[in-house]
Amino acid sequence: MPAGCAHGFLTLEVATDALYQIDRIYIPGRARGLRYDDPAIGIAWPAAPRVIAPADLGCPALGESPI
């Protein structure tokens, strides 16, 4: 995926690993994100997430984001 492109993953099978490559070193505290369930974005997830990373739960809605 291109740098700066928002992305999200929902696995539909138990014990699935999702790996992806980024273009720079990950620095905790510098990552940005958007709320996965923001109605302004309107993603129709194929299933309800059962486990969500704490960092993802803390992401702001689109209108609240400095992105």
C-alpha atoms as a PDB file:
ATOM      1  CA  MET A   1       0.000   0.000   0.000  1.00  0.00           C
ATOM      2  CA  PRO A   2       1.283   3.497  -0.722  1.00  0.00           C
ATOM      3  CA  ALA A   3       2.709   5.653   2.064  1.00  0.00           C
ATOM      4  CA  GLY A   4       0.016   7.713   3.781  1.00  0.00           C
ATOM      5  CA  CYS A   5      -2.813   5.450   2.618  1.00  0.00           C
ATOM      6  CA  ALA A   6      -5.304   4.496   5.316  1.00  0.00           C
ATOM      7  CA  HIS A   7      -5.720   0.747   5.672  1.00  0.00           C
ATOM      8  CA  GLY A   8      -7.446  -1.756   7.892  1.00  0.00           C
ATOM      9  CA  PHE A   9      -7.600  -5.495   8.234  1.00  0.00           C
ATOM     10  CA  LEU A  10     -10.297  -7.885   9.391  1.00  0.00           C
ATOM     11  CA  THR A  11      -9.407 -11.554   9.374  1.00  0.00           C
ATOM     12  CA  LEU A  12     -12.229 -14.028   8.960  1.00  0.00           C
ATOM     13  CA  GLU A  13     -10.413 -17.168  10.088  1.00  0.00           C
ATOM     14  CA  VAL A  14      -9.180 -18.119  13.562  1.00  0.00           C
ATOM     15  CA  ALA A  15      -5.434 -17.780  14.217  1.00  0.00           C
ATOM     16  CA  THR A  16      -4.711 -15.648  11.157  1.00  0.00           C
ATOM     17  CA  ASP A  17      -1.564 -13.538  10.912  1.00  0.00           C
ATOM     18  CA  ALA A  18      -1.645 -10.359   8.837  1.00  0.00           C
ATOM     19  CA  LEU A  19       1.746  -9.039   7.767  1.00  0.00           C
ATOM     20  CA  TYR A  20       2.462  -5.947   5.728  1.00  0.00           C
ATOM     21  CA  GLN A  21       5.494  -3.889   4.816  1.00  0.00           C
ATOM     22  CA  ILE A  22       5.916  -0.175   5.415  1.00  0.00           C
ATOM     23  CA  ASP A  23       8.392   2.276   3.915  1.00  0.00           C
ATOM     24  CA  ARG A  24      10.048   3.437   7.146  1.00  0.00           C
ATOM     25  CA  ILE A  25      10.898   2.301  10.645  1.00  0.00           C
ATOM     26  CA  TYR A  26       7.908   2.146  13.000  1.00  0.00           C
ATOM     27  CA  ILE A  27       8.194   4.685  15.818  1.00  0.00           C
ATOM     28  CA  PRO A  28       5.705   4.123  18.671  1.00  0.00           C
ATOM     29  CA  GLY A  29       3.706   7.238  19.425  1.00  0.00           C
ATOM     30  CA  ARG A  30       4.084   8.638  15.899  1.00  0.00           C
ATOM     31  CA  ALA A  31       1.528   6.421  14.195  1.00  0.00           C
ATOM     32  CA  ARG A  32      -1.761   8.006  13.163  1.00  0.00           C
ATOM     33  CA  GLY A  33      -5.083   6.418  12.463  1.00  0.00           C
ATOM     34  CA  LEU A  34      -8.817   6.774  12.076  1.00  0.00           C
ATOM     35  CA  ARG A  35     -11.603   5.099  14.003  1.00  0.00           C
ATOM     36  CA  TYR A  36     -12.477   1.782  12.315  1.00  0.00           C
ATOM     37  CA  ASP A  37     -16.216   2.213  12.916  1.00  0.00           C
ATOM     38  CA  ASP A  38     -16.549   5.914  12.053  1.00  0.00           C
ATOM     39  CA  PRO A  39     -19.918   6.347  10.307  1.00  0.00           C
ATOM     40  CA  ALA A  40     -18.444   9.210   8.237  1.00  0.00           C
ATOM     41  CA  ILE A  41     -16.152   6.685   6.534  1.00  0.00           C
ATOM     42  CA  GLY A  42     -18.905   4.063   6.237  1.00  0.00           C
ATOM     43  CA  ILE A  43     -16.917   0.843   5.915  1.00  0.00           C
ATOM     44  CA  ALA A  44     -19.251  -2.153   5.598  1.00  0.00           C
ATOM     45  CA  TRP A  45     -17.125  -4.716   7.462  1.00  0.00           C
ATOM     46  CA  PRO A  46     -18.144  -8.287   6.550  1.00  0.00           C
ATOM     47  CA  ALA A  47     -18.215  -9.269  10.244  1.00  0.00           C
ATOM     48  CA  ALA A  48     -18.115  -7.510  13.600  1.00  0.00           C
ATOM     49  CA  PRO A  49     -14.549  -7.278  14.976  1.00  0.00           C
ATOM     50  CA  ARG A  50     -14.048  -9.413  18.091  1.00  0.00           C
ATOM     51  CA  VAL A  51     -10.556  -8.226  18.992  1.00  0.00           C
ATOM     52  CA  ILE A  52      -9.383  -4.673  18.369  1.00  0.00           C
ATOM     53  CA  ALA A  53      -5.931  -3.420  19.304  1.00  0.00           C
ATOM     54  CA  PRO A  54      -5.998  -0.784  22.079  1.00  0.00           C
ATOM     55  CA  ALA A  55      -4.155   1.656  19.802  1.00  0.00           C
ATOM     56  CA  ASP A  56      -6.908   1.275  17.199  1.00  0.00           C
ATOM     57  CA  LEU A  57      -9.655   1.836  19.765  1.00  0.00           C
ATOM     58  CA  GLY A  58      -8.001   5.138  20.647  1.00  0.00           C
ATOM     59  CA  CYS A  59      -8.057   6.491  17.097  1.00  0.00           C
ATOM     60  CA  PRO A  60     -10.215   9.579  16.498  1.00  0.00           C
ATOM     61  CA  ALA A  61     -13.170   9.908  14.137  1.00  0.00           C
ATOM     62  CA  LEU A  62     -12.487  11.546  10.758  1.00  0.00           C
ATOM     63  CA  GLY A  63     -13.737  14.986  11.838  1.00  0.00           C
ATOM     64  CA  GLU A  64     -11.631  14.867  15.004  1.00  0.00           C
ATOM     65  CA  SER A  65      -8.400  13.735  13.342  1.00  0.00           C
ATOM     66  CA  PRO A  66      -5.398  15.965  12.673  1.00  0.00           C
ATOM     67  CA  ILE A  67      -4.576  13.802   9.603  1.00  0.00           C
END
